[in-house]
Every structure is written in C-alpha cells, then in structure tokens.
Amino acid sequence: MLPQRVKRLEQENKKIRQLLRQQKAENSQRLKALKRNKQKEARATAGAFMHSNDYRWVRVRGREYRLTSMQAQVIQLLHKAHLEGKPEIGVHHILVEIDARSSRLRDIFRSRPGSLSNLVEKTGRGIVCLNI
C-alpha cells in the first residue's frame, strides 16, 4: 500500500514540475513581448513629442507650437507627469503649481487658438494629460 502511494505522489510531483516549467516559459515569453512593446512605444513617443529646454517651443506629431511662459509651464508639468508614468493631472493642481490667476486652463491658452486641444487632452472632469 505504501509503495503505491509513494509512486502516485512522485507522479503527481512530476506533473506539477512540468506545469511549473511550462508556466515559467510562458511567463518569460510574455515578459519579452511586454518589453518589446514598451520599447516600441518609447520610440514612437520619442518622435511624437519634442521641446526646447524651457518648453516655450514644442513639436507634437509634426506640428510646432510657440508658447507663452505660462503655457510652457503647463506643458512642462504634463510632460513630467507623463514621463513618471502618471500622465493624468487635475486642472486645479496645475493652476496652483503655475500660480495662475485664472481658474480655467482654456484661459491660459486663449492667445494660441487650437493649441490647447492639440496639446492637452481632457481625460475626465477636471483631469487632463499631455496629448501625445
């Protein structure tokens, strides 16, 4: 009785080891695919957004924008958040950070018609991200 039980346990153990090896191989393949996708996204994003040191000049998807200092500060905050992997920021937070007199983001971009909608994407109520 005991040798049969040991034999059955050894067989089950062998099956478990095979399943674990199989899962490890699958996970390795998934990880490689994720890394490839991340590298592709980084290459695509790198060419999609360019800026000067002070963000007064930016290029998004081939279109260039010359910005005021206040607008540049907004884009800089959004770009920094994007690079940190937390791209969405509350509009109120942005306005406080740049010490804006206005209570609306669109007022800051009023002097550059179309630049707000091309550079900043609304993702929720009072929440925006860089449109890249």
Foldseek 3Di string as FASTA:
>chain_A
DVVVVVVVVVVVVVVVVVVVVVVVVVVVVVVVVVVVVVVVVVVVVVVQWDADPQRQWIHGNRDIHGFDSLVSQLLVVQVVCVVVVNNKDFQCVSCVVSVHPDPDPVVRCVVPPPPCVQFWDDDDVRMIHGDD
